[in-house]
C-alpha atoms as a PDB file:
ATOM      1  CA  MET A   1      29.408 -51.785  42.681  1.00  0.00           C
ATOM      2  CA  GLY A   2      26.613 -49.784  40.762  1.00  0.00           C
ATOM      3  CA  PHE A   3      26.083 -46.587  39.216  1.00  0.00           C
ATOM      4  CA  PHE A   4      24.712 -43.202  40.778  1.00  0.00           C
ATOM      5  CA  ILE A   5      22.987 -41.101  38.326  1.00  0.00           C
ATOM      6  CA  GLN A   6      23.379 -37.203  39.137  1.00  0.00           C
ATOM      7  CA  ASN A   7      23.395 -34.176  36.583  1.00  0.00           C
ATOM      8  CA  LYS A   8      23.168 -36.685  33.795  1.00  0.00           C
ATOM      9  CA  TYR A   9      26.639 -38.086  34.695  1.00  0.00           C
ATOM     10  CA  ALA A  10      27.051 -41.499  35.868  1.00  0.00           C
ATOM     11  CA  ILE A  11      29.659 -42.212  38.414  1.00  0.00           C
ATOM     12  CA  ALA A  12      30.601 -45.601  40.155  1.00  0.00           C
ATOM     13  CA  PHE A  13      29.805 -45.935  43.712  1.00  0.00           C
ATOM     14  CA  LYS A  14      29.994 -48.335  46.556  1.00  0.00           C
ATOM     15  CA  LYS A  15      27.270 -48.613  49.186  1.00  0.00           C
ATOM     16  CA  SER A  16      28.016 -46.094  52.205  1.00  0.00           C
ATOM     17  CA  LYS A  17      28.835 -47.448  55.441  1.00  0.00           C
ATOM     18  CA  ASP A  18      26.323 -44.854  57.136  1.00  0.00           C
ATOM     19  CA  LYS A  19      23.153 -46.578  58.683  1.00  0.00           C
ATOM     20  CA  ILE A  20      20.116 -44.454  58.226  1.00  0.00           C
ATOM     21  CA  LEU A  21      17.061 -44.799  60.153  1.00  0.00           C
ATOM     22  CA  ILE A  22      13.918 -42.902  58.787  1.00  0.00           C
ATOM     23  CA  LEU A  23      11.501 -42.197  61.640  1.00  0.00           C
ATOM     24  CA  GLY A  24       8.038 -42.189  59.815  1.00  0.00           C
ATOM     25  CA  ALA A  25       9.025 -43.968  56.707  1.00  0.00           C
ATOM     26  CA  SER A  26       5.515 -45.056  55.859  1.00  0.00           C
ATOM     27  CA  GLY A  27       4.311 -41.506  55.409  1.00  0.00           C
ATOM     28  CA  PHE A  28       4.560 -39.372  52.104  1.00  0.00           C
ATOM     29  CA  LEU A  29       7.806 -37.727  52.773  1.00  0.00           C
ATOM     30  CA  GLY A  30       9.404 -40.469  54.685  1.00  0.00           C
ATOM     31  CA  ASN A  31       8.354 -43.252  52.079  1.00  0.00           C
ATOM     32  CA  ALA A  32      10.107 -40.815  49.271  1.00  0.00           C
ATOM     33  CA  LEU A  33      13.149 -40.594  51.322  1.00  0.00           C
ATOM     34  CA  TYR A  34      13.496 -44.388  51.853  1.00  0.00           C
ATOM     35  CA  LYS A  35      13.216 -44.904  48.222  1.00  0.00           C
ATOM     36  CA  GLU A  36      15.866 -42.404  47.443  1.00  0.00           C
ATOM     37  CA  LEU A  37      18.278 -43.593  50.014  1.00  0.00           C
ATOM     38  CA  TYR A  38      17.958 -47.469  50.368  1.00  0.00           C
ATOM     39  CA  ARG A  39      20.421 -48.175  47.241  1.00  0.00           C
ATOM     40  CA  TYR A  40      23.098 -46.139  48.661  1.00  0.00           C
ATOM     41  CA  TYR A  41      22.895 -46.716  52.526  1.00  0.00           C
ATOM     42  CA  ASN A  42      21.969 -49.373  54.846  1.00  0.00           C
ATOM     43  CA  THR A  43      18.617 -47.825  55.417  1.00  0.00           C
ATOM     44  CA  TYR A  44      15.795 -48.625  57.800  1.00  0.00           C
ATOM     45  CA  GLY A  45      12.513 -47.050  58.450  1.00  0.00           C
ATOM     46  CA  THR A  46       9.405 -47.173  60.885  1.00  0.00           C
ATOM     47  CA  TYR A  47       5.978 -47.826  59.879  1.00  0.00           C
ATOM     48  CA  HIS A  48       2.710 -48.089  62.349  1.00  0.00           C
ATOM     49  CA  SER A  49       0.577 -50.426  60.476  1.00  0.00           C
ATOM     50  CA  GLY A  50       0.207 -52.110  57.065  1.00  0.00           C
ATOM     51  CA  LYS A  51       1.346 -55.485  55.843  1.00  0.00           C
ATOM     52  CA  ILE A  52       3.081 -53.895  52.896  1.00  0.00           C
ATOM     53  CA  TYR A  53       5.541 -52.665  55.242  1.00  0.00           C
ATOM     54  CA  SER A  54       5.684 -55.643  57.448  1.00  0.00           C
ATOM     55  CA  ASP A  55       7.108 -58.038  54.757  1.00  0.00           C
ATOM     56  CA  ASN A  56      10.128 -55.480  54.358  1.00  0.00           C
ATOM     57  CA  LYS A  57      12.651 -56.601  56.863  1.00  0.00           C
ATOM     58  CA  HIS A  58      14.074 -52.964  56.759  1.00  0.00           C
ATOM     59  CA  TYR A  59      10.916 -51.567  57.986  1.00  0.00           C
ATOM     60  CA  LEU A  60      10.398 -51.755  61.590  1.00  0.00           C
ATOM     61  CA  LYS A  61       7.031 -51.466  63.362  1.00  0.00           C
ATOM     62  CA  PHE A  62       6.975 -48.546  65.876  1.00  0.00           C
ATOM     63  CA  ASP A  63       4.093 -46.938  67.733  1.00  0.00           C
ATOM     64  CA  LEU A  64       5.046 -43.286  68.859  1.00  0.00           C
ATOM     65  CA  VAL A  65       2.328 -43.513  71.734  1.00  0.00           C
ATOM     66  CA  ASN A  66       3.339 -46.770  73.096  1.00  0.00           C
ATOM     67  CA  ASP A  67       7.030 -47.899  71.948  1.00  0.00           C
ATOM     68  CA  ASP A  68      10.252 -46.349  73.295  1.00  0.00           C
ATOM     69  CA  VAL A  69      12.289 -44.745  70.585  1.00  0.00           C
ATOM     70  CA  TYR A  70      15.508 -44.859  72.585  1.00  0.00           C
ATOM     71  CA  GLU A  71      15.260 -48.737  72.405  1.00  0.00           C
ATOM     72  CA  LEU A  72      14.675 -48.574  68.688  1.00  0.00           C
ATOM     73  CA  LEU A  73      17.830 -46.554  68.287  1.00  0.00           C
ATOM     74  CA  ARG A  74      19.829 -48.903  70.471  1.00  0.00           C
ATOM     75  CA  GLN A  75      18.473 -51.849  68.320  1.00  0.00           C
ATOM     76  CA  VAL A  76      19.156 -50.148  64.966  1.00  0.00           C
ATOM     77  CA  GLN A  77      22.281 -48.060  65.873  1.00  0.00           C
ATOM     78  CA  PRO A  78      21.967 -45.718  63.116  1.00  0.00           C
ATOM     79  CA  SER A  79      24.609 -43.068  62.118  1.00  0.00           C
ATOM     80  CA  VAL A  80      21.949 -40.846  60.642  1.00  0.00           C
ATOM     81  CA  ILE A  81      18.454 -40.272  62.014  1.00  0.00           C
ATOM     82  CA  ILE A  82      15.699 -38.738  59.742  1.00  0.00           C
ATOM     83  CA  SER A  83      12.836 -37.602  61.717  1.00  0.00           C
ATOM     84  CA  ALA A  84       9.594 -37.473  59.648  1.00  0.00           C
ATOM     85  CA  LEU A  85       7.361 -38.360  62.802  1.00  0.00           C
ATOM     86  CA  ARG A  86       3.642 -37.672  62.926  1.00  0.00           C
ATOM     87  CA  GLY A  87       1.525 -38.099  65.877  1.00  0.00           C
ATOM     88  CA  PRO A  88       0.351 -36.636  68.951  1.00  0.00           C
ATOM     89  CA  PHE A  89       2.403 -33.511  69.625  1.00  0.00           C
ATOM     90  CA  THR A  90       3.356 -34.405  73.256  1.00  0.00           C
ATOM     91  CA  ASP A  91       4.697 -37.847  72.118  1.00  0.00           C
ATOM     92  CA  GLN A  92       6.815 -36.194  69.450  1.00  0.00           C
ATOM     93  CA  LEU A  93       8.309 -34.085  71.532  1.00  0.00           C
ATOM     94  CA  GLU A  94       9.369 -36.599  73.954  1.00  0.00           C
ATOM     95  CA  ALA A  95      10.531 -38.976  71.291  1.00  0.00           C
ATOM     96  CA  HIS A  96      12.834 -35.918  70.088  1.00  0.00           C
ATOM     97  CA  GLU A  97      14.097 -35.590  73.519  1.00  0.00           C
ATOM     98  CA  LEU A  98      15.179 -39.171  73.409  1.00  0.00           C
ATOM     99  CA  MET A  99      16.624 -38.873  70.092  1.00  0.00           C
ATOM    100  CA  VAL A 100      18.809 -35.951  71.214  1.00  0.00           C
ATOM    101  CA  GLY A 101      20.069 -38.106  74.281  1.00  0.00           C
ATOM    102  CA  TYR A 102      20.978 -40.880  72.002  1.00  0.00           C
ATOM    103  CA  ALA A 103      22.816 -38.553  69.672  1.00  0.00           C
ATOM    104  CA  GLN A 104      24.558 -36.979  72.660  1.00  0.00           C
ATOM    105  CA  GLU A 105      25.760 -40.626  73.469  1.00  0.00           C
ATOM    106  CA  THR A 106      26.639 -41.825  70.205  1.00  0.00           C
ATOM    107  CA  GLY A 107      27.628 -38.680  68.047  1.00  0.00           C
ATOM    108  CA  CYS A 108      25.118 -39.824  65.426  1.00  0.00           C
ATOM    109  CA  ARG A 109      23.496 -37.112  63.240  1.00  0.00           C
ATOM    110  CA  ILE A 110      19.707 -35.974  63.116  1.00  0.00           C
ATOM    111  CA  ILE A 111      17.977 -34.519  60.203  1.00  0.00           C
ATOM    112  CA  PHE A 112      14.756 -32.851  61.261  1.00  0.00           C
ATOM    113  CA  LEU A 113      11.908 -32.167  58.875  1.00  0.00           C
ATOM    114  CA  SER A 114      10.566 -28.832  60.078  1.00  0.00           C
ATOM    115  CA  SER A 115       8.371 -26.281  58.433  1.00  0.00           C
ATOM    116  CA  ALA A 116       7.717 -22.783  57.142  1.00  0.00           C
ATOM    117  CA  ASN A 117       4.985 -22.720  59.923  1.00  0.00           C
ATOM    118  CA  VAL A 118       7.670 -21.827  62.363  1.00  0.00           C
ATOM    119  CA  PHE A 119       7.240 -18.289  60.933  1.00  0.00           C
ATOM    120  CA  ASP A 120       3.596 -18.070  60.751  1.00  0.00           C
ATOM    121  CA  ALA A 121       3.492 -15.228  63.008  1.00  0.00           C
ATOM    122  CA  PHE A 122       5.457 -13.110  60.896  1.00  0.00           C
ATOM    123  CA  SER A 123       3.710 -11.899  57.521  1.00  0.00           C
ATOM    124  CA  ASN A 124       5.394  -9.179  55.936  1.00  0.00           C
ATOM    125  CA  TYR A 125       8.404 -10.740  54.273  1.00  0.00           C
ATOM    126  CA  PRO A 126       9.498 -14.203  53.492  1.00  0.00           C
ATOM    127  CA  SER A 127      11.831 -15.906  55.883  1.00  0.00           C
ATOM    128  CA  TYR A 128      15.759 -16.960  55.777  1.00  0.00           C
ATOM    129  CA  GLU A 129      17.648 -19.447  57.666  1.00  0.00           C
ATOM    130  CA  ASN A 130      19.066 -17.380  60.727  1.00  0.00           C
ATOM    131  CA  ASP A 131      15.641 -15.212  61.052  1.00  0.00           C
ATOM    132  CA  LYS A 132      14.001 -15.489  64.531  1.00  0.00           C
ATOM    133  CA  THR A 133      11.256 -18.192  64.781  1.00  0.00           C
ATOM    134  CA  LEU A 134       7.666 -17.396  66.021  1.00  0.00           C
ATOM    135  CA  SER A 135       4.362 -19.163  65.329  1.00  0.00           C
ATOM    136  CA  GLN A 136       0.841 -18.758  66.217  1.00  0.00           C
ATOM    137  CA  SER A 137      -0.203 -22.444  65.372  1.00  0.00           C
ATOM    138  CA  ILE A 138       0.259 -25.168  67.514  1.00  0.00           C
ATOM    139  CA  TYR A 139       2.106 -27.083  64.597  1.00  0.00           C
ATOM    140  CA  GLY A 140       4.504 -24.245  64.079  1.00  0.00           C
ATOM    141  CA  LYS A 141       5.110 -23.967  67.948  1.00  0.00           C
ATOM    142  CA  LEU A 142       5.907 -27.888  68.031  1.00  0.00           C
ATOM    143  CA  LYS A 143       8.340 -27.388  65.219  1.00  0.00           C
ATOM    144  CA  ILE A 144      10.103 -24.630  67.059  1.00  0.00           C
ATOM    145  CA  ARG A 145      10.467 -26.729  70.345  1.00  0.00           C
ATOM    146  CA  VAL A 146      12.130 -29.478  68.550  1.00  0.00           C
ATOM    147  CA  GLU A 147      14.256 -27.125  66.410  1.00  0.00           C
ATOM    148  CA  THR A 148      15.293 -25.381  69.999  1.00  0.00           C
ATOM    149  CA  LEU A 149      15.874 -28.804  71.494  1.00  0.00           C
ATOM    150  CA  LEU A 150      18.400 -29.685  68.796  1.00  0.00           C
ATOM    151  CA  MET A 151      20.304 -26.378  68.647  1.00  0.00           C
ATOM    152  CA  ARG A 152      20.712 -25.934  72.543  1.00  0.00           C
ATOM    153  CA  HIS A 153      21.785 -29.752  73.157  1.00  0.00           C
ATOM    154  CA  LEU A 154      23.807 -30.685  70.049  1.00  0.00           C
ATOM    155  CA  PRO A 155      26.831 -29.045  68.229  1.00  0.00           C
ATOM    156  CA  GLU A 156      25.673 -27.876  64.865  1.00  0.00           C
ATOM    157  CA  GLU A 157      27.726 -30.692  63.116  1.00  0.00           C
ATOM    158  CA  GLN A 158      25.070 -33.092  64.435  1.00  0.00           C
ATOM    159  CA  TYR A 159      21.916 -31.791  63.202  1.00  0.00           C
ATOM    160  CA  ALA A 160      20.433 -30.578  60.069  1.00  0.00           C
ATOM    161  CA  ILE A 161      17.009 -28.575  60.382  1.00  0.00           C
ATOM    162  CA  VAL A 162      15.071 -28.765  57.132  1.00  0.00           C
ATOM    163  CA  ARG A 163      12.388 -26.309  56.713  1.00  0.00           C
ATOM    164  CA  LEU A 164       9.884 -26.838  54.063  1.00  0.00           C
ATOM    165  CA  PRO A 165       7.057 -25.124  52.298  1.00  0.00           C
ATOM    166  CA  MET A 166       3.920 -26.986  50.925  1.00  0.00           C
ATOM    167  CA  VAL A 167       5.182 -30.046  49.321  1.00  0.00           C
ATOM    168  CA  PHE A 168       3.643 -31.267  46.076  1.00  0.00           C
ATOM    169  CA  GLY A 169       4.398 -34.070  43.636  1.00  0.00           C
ATOM    170  CA  VAL A 170       2.519 -36.747  41.674  1.00  0.00           C
ATOM    171  CA  GLY A 171       1.474 -38.857  44.638  1.00  0.00           C
ATOM    172  CA  SER A 172       1.119 -36.004  47.130  1.00  0.00           C
ATOM    173  CA  PRO A 173      -1.811 -35.642  49.466  1.00  0.00           C
ATOM    174  CA  ARG A 174      -2.268 -32.294  48.329  1.00  0.00           C
ATOM    175  CA  ILE A 175      -2.453 -33.231  44.541  1.00  0.00           C
ATOM    176  CA  GLN A 176      -4.717 -36.110  45.493  1.00  0.00           C
ATOM    177  CA  ALA A 177      -7.120 -33.857  47.398  1.00  0.00           C
ATOM    178  CA  LEU A 178      -7.279 -31.367  44.613  1.00  0.00           C
ATOM    179  CA  LYS A 179      -8.197 -34.003  42.150  1.00  0.00           C
ATOM    180  CA  ASN A 180     -11.003 -35.305  44.409  1.00  0.00           C
ATOM    181  CA  GLU A 181     -12.190 -31.700  44.778  1.00  0.00           C
ATOM    182  CA  LEU A 182     -12.334 -31.049  41.114  1.00  0.00           C
ATOM    183  CA  LEU A 183     -14.133 -34.378  40.283  1.00  0.00           C
ATOM    184  CA  LEU A 184     -16.749 -34.055  43.120  1.00  0.00           C
ATOM    185  CA  GLY A 185     -17.436 -30.350  42.395  1.00  0.00           C
ATOM    186  CA  ASP A 186     -16.428 -29.323  45.641  1.00  0.00           C
ATOM    187  CA  ALA A 187     -15.283 -25.814  46.616  1.00  0.00           C
ATOM    188  CA  ILE A 188     -11.312 -25.314  46.624  1.00  0.00           C
ATOM    189  CA  GLU A 189     -10.156 -23.196  49.374  1.00  0.00           C
ATOM    190  CA  VAL A 190      -7.767 -20.813  48.116  1.00  0.00           C
ATOM    191  CA  PHE A 191      -5.849 -17.833  49.940  1.00  0.00           C
ATOM    192  CA  PRO A 192      -5.505 -14.820  47.694  1.00  0.00           C
ATOM    193  CA  HIS A 193      -3.053 -12.950  49.709  1.00  0.00           C
ATOM    194  CA  LEU A 194      -0.980 -15.785  50.649  1.00  0.00           C
ATOM    195  CA  VAL A 195       2.598 -15.439  48.964  1.00  0.00           C
ATOM    196  CA  MET A 196       4.437 -18.574  49.459  1.00  0.00           C
ATOM    197  CA  ASN A 197       6.891 -21.059  47.900  1.00  0.00           C
ATOM    198  CA  THR A 198       6.520 -24.801  47.132  1.00  0.00           C
ATOM    199  CA  THR A 199       8.438 -27.949  46.480  1.00  0.00           C
ATOM    200  CA  THR A 200       8.081 -31.541  45.388  1.00  0.00           C
ATOM    201  CA  ASP A 201       8.858 -34.815  47.135  1.00  0.00           C
ATOM    202  CA  ALA A 202      11.179 -35.666  44.391  1.00  0.00           C
ATOM    203  CA  LYS A 203      13.355 -32.654  44.660  1.00  0.00           C
ATOM    204  CA  LEU A 204      13.335 -32.857  48.688  1.00  0.00           C
ATOM    205  CA  ARG A 205      14.674 -36.514  48.342  1.00  0.00           C
ATOM    206  CA  GLN A 206      17.677 -35.369  45.986  1.00  0.00           C
ATOM    207  CA  GLN A 207      18.290 -32.638  48.541  1.00  0.00           C
ATOM    208  CA  ILE A 208      18.300 -34.863  51.570  1.00  0.00           C
ATOM    209  CA  HIS A 209      20.499 -37.110  49.664  1.00  0.00           C
ATOM    210  CA  TYR A 210      23.046 -34.424  49.129  1.00  0.00           C
ATOM    211  CA  ILE A 211      23.106 -33.198  52.785  1.00  0.00           C
ATOM    212  CA  ILE A 212      23.738 -36.693  54.225  1.00  0.00           C
ATOM    213  CA  ASN A 213      26.418 -37.428  51.443  1.00  0.00           C
ATOM    214  CA  ARG A 214      28.155 -33.968  52.048  1.00  0.00           C
ATOM    215  CA  LYS A 215      27.661 -34.337  55.700  1.00  0.00           C
ATOM    216  CA  LEU A 216      26.071 -30.708  55.636  1.00  0.00           C
ATOM    217  CA  SER A 217      24.772 -29.407  58.831  1.00  0.00           C
ATOM    218  CA  GLY A 218      22.723 -26.234  60.267  1.00  0.00           C
ATOM    219  CA  ILE A 219      19.618 -24.959  58.920  1.00  0.00           C
ATOM    220  CA  PHE A 220      18.334 -25.468  55.534  1.00  0.00           C
ATOM    221  CA  HIS A 221      15.317 -23.796  53.589  1.00  0.00           C
ATOM    222  CA  LEU A 222      14.492 -25.801  50.939  1.00  0.00           C
ATOM    223  CA  GLY A 223      11.623 -23.964  49.182  1.00  0.00           C
ATOM    224  CA  SER A 224      11.366 -22.882  45.641  1.00  0.00           C
ATOM    225  CA  THR A 225      13.474 -20.054  44.429  1.00  0.00           C
ATOM    226  CA  ASP A 226      10.537 -17.915  43.411  1.00  0.00           C
ATOM    227  CA  LEU A 227       7.358 -16.755  45.312  1.00  0.00           C
ATOM    228  CA  ILE A 228       3.791 -17.169  44.204  1.00  0.00           C
ATOM    229  CA  HIS A 229       0.288 -16.339  45.495  1.00  0.00           C
ATOM    230  CA  HIS A 230      -1.407 -19.396  46.749  1.00  0.00           C
ATOM    231  CA  LYS A 231      -4.767 -18.723  44.446  1.00  0.00           C
ATOM    232  CA  GLU A 232      -2.393 -18.260  41.450  1.00  0.00           C
ATOM    233  CA  PHE A 233      -0.417 -21.579  42.112  1.00  0.00           C
ATOM    234  CA  ILE A 234      -3.614 -23.795  42.986  1.00  0.00           C
ATOM    235  CA  HIS A 235      -5.082 -22.505  39.394  1.00  0.00           C
ATOM    236  CA  GLU A 236      -2.001 -23.344  37.570  1.00  0.00           C
ATOM    237  CA  LEU A 237      -2.275 -26.771  39.272  1.00  0.00           C
ATOM    238  CA  VAL A 238      -6.057 -27.008  38.006  1.00  0.00           C
ATOM    239  CA  ILE A 239      -4.905 -25.984  34.624  1.00  0.00           C
ATOM    240  CA  MET A 240      -2.032 -28.719  34.713  1.00  0.00           C
ATOM    241  CA  LEU A 241      -4.493 -31.544  35.827  1.00  0.00           C
ATOM    242  CA  ASP A 242      -6.706 -30.750  32.795  1.00  0.00           C
ATOM    243  CA  LEU A 243      -9.617 -32.890  34.322  1.00  0.00           C
ATOM    244  CA  ASN A 244     -12.294 -31.233  32.295  1.00  0.00           C
ATOM    245  CA  ARG A 245     -13.847 -29.776  35.319  1.00  0.00           C
ATOM    246  CA  LYS A 246     -14.668 -26.135  36.004  1.00  0.00           C
ATOM    247  CA  PRO A 247     -13.139 -25.196  39.649  1.00  0.00           C
ATOM    248  CA  ILE A 248     -15.286 -23.596  42.170  1.00  0.00           C
ATOM    249  CA  TYR A 249     -12.842 -21.555  44.255  1.00  0.00           C
ATOM    250  CA  LYS A 250     -13.558 -20.398  47.823  1.00  0.00           C
ATOM    251  CA  ASN A 251     -11.632 -17.270  48.638  1.00  0.00           C
ATOM    252  CA  VAL A 252     -10.147 -16.898  52.185  1.00  0.00           C
ATOM    253  CA  PHE A 253      -9.118 -13.703  53.285  1.00  0.00           C
ATOM    254  CA  THR A 254      -6.998 -13.834  56.707  1.00  0.00           C
ATOM    255  CA  SER A 255      -5.862 -10.264  56.252  1.00  0.00           C
ATOM    256  CA  ASN A 256      -6.336  -7.291  53.848  1.00  0.00           C
ATOM    257  CA  THR A 257      -2.708  -7.172  52.443  1.00  0.00           C
ATOM    258  CA  ASP A 258      -0.350  -9.796  51.300  1.00  0.00           C
ATOM    259  CA  ARG A 259       1.108 -12.091  53.890  1.00  0.00           C
ATOM    260  CA  TYR A 260       4.082 -14.259  53.332  1.00  0.00           C
ATOM    261  CA  LEU A 261       4.755 -17.750  54.174  1.00  0.00           C
ATOM    262  CA  ALA A 262       7.838 -18.535  52.335  1.00  0.00           C
ATOM    263  CA  VAL A 263      11.278 -19.986  53.275  1.00  0.00           C
ATOM    264  CA  LEU A 264      14.247 -18.717  51.049  1.00  0.00           C
ATOM    265  CA  PRO A 265      18.126 -19.903  51.364  1.00  0.00           C
ATOM    266  CA  ARG A 266      20.523 -17.275  51.766  1.00  0.00           C
ATOM    267  CA  ASP A 267      23.246 -18.770  54.074  1.00  0.00           C
ATOM    268  CA  ASN A 268      23.023 -22.495  53.086  1.00  0.00           C
ATOM    269  CA  ARG A 269      22.126 -22.683  49.513  1.00  0.00           C
ATOM    270  CA  LEU A 270      22.367 -25.993  47.699  1.00  0.00           C
ATOM    271  CA  PRO A 271      23.911 -26.205  44.078  1.00  0.00           C
ATOM    272  CA  LYS A 272      21.660 -24.888  41.276  1.00  0.00           C
ATOM    273  CA  HIS A 273      20.754 -28.532  40.272  1.00  0.00           C
ATOM    274  CA  LEU A 274      19.067 -28.958  43.366  1.00  0.00           C
ATOM    275  CA  GLN A 275      17.140 -26.018  43.279  1.00  0.00           C
ATOM    276  CA  ILE A 276      13.350 -25.763  42.037  1.00  0.00           C
ATOM    277  CA  THR A 277      11.032 -23.050  40.892  1.00  0.00           C
ATOM    278  CA  ASN A 278       7.122 -23.037  41.148  1.00  0.00           C
ATOM    279  CA  GLU A 279       6.636 -23.730  37.475  1.00  0.00           C
ATOM    280  CA  THR A 280       8.750 -26.957  38.023  1.00  0.00           C
ATOM    281  CA  VAL A 281       6.679 -28.076  40.948  1.00  0.00           C
ATOM    282  CA  VAL A 282       3.592 -27.868  38.795  1.00  0.00           C
ATOM    283  CA  GLU A 283       4.872 -29.607  35.875  1.00  0.00           C
ATOM    284  CA  SER A 284       6.306 -32.324  38.174  1.00  0.00           C
ATOM    285  CA  SER A 285       2.842 -32.910  39.939  1.00  0.00           C
ATOM    286  CA  LYS A 286       1.377 -34.401  36.736  1.00  0.00           C
ATOM    287  CA  LYS A 287       1.551 -37.973  36.073  1.00  0.00           C
ATOM    288  CA  TYR A 288       2.466 -38.432  32.419  1.00  0.00           C
ATOM    289  CA  ILE A 289       1.291 -41.950  30.991  1.00  0.00           C
END
């Protein structure tokens, strides 16, 4: 027996009987989820390459292009599948079709990490859980196809579609790229008319843990509760990083007026301690020594 810290209160816990498989656990978000969940659940993850993962018996080597995800699922027999897969879009879609087939046979649950890009064809307002999806990007269209696959072929209690905005945090690729651009004196692309919301990997892992623990299902929008212009947000990050470099901004205008790419919750709100603001995202993206 150990202790699970939540909301400043410690409560005794026993490790759950749920077996979780994170597909794409060596990626930024997948790895964050593995670190959050492995202490509380029998958790496995997949990786494509790297000795750092091969030494961990709970990390399983998996090649999206050449390996059969259905055989992997039969081997692990998870009760919860978290999909954070990356790779060729055709192979991603095929893998999710096999996941759905496995879920139909076993009754396991699927948590799919989707994106605000399922709404990138809309620009006049932020998007809520039950709004119609429409995308102009290949990435957004893939996410819509997987979402539709889950909703058409599984009962709602067997899936959670988690739509994410831009994700930041101390070790995030976006923060690392911003640091490099500042240190090298490269131009930083900003979108002055883009209105968005954000989150961090740390908050996402707490939210997914809650969704699993409470057996929640349906569609979730896990962006910050407030909105901000992209250029303003990036400038706040530059100030926070305090690298003593003057930023060079490259303004990119994709429209003459403000356009929104933001996912806000209305129907499936998580508790207040699991919500986040853009200000907190900025603060949480700095490594304090």
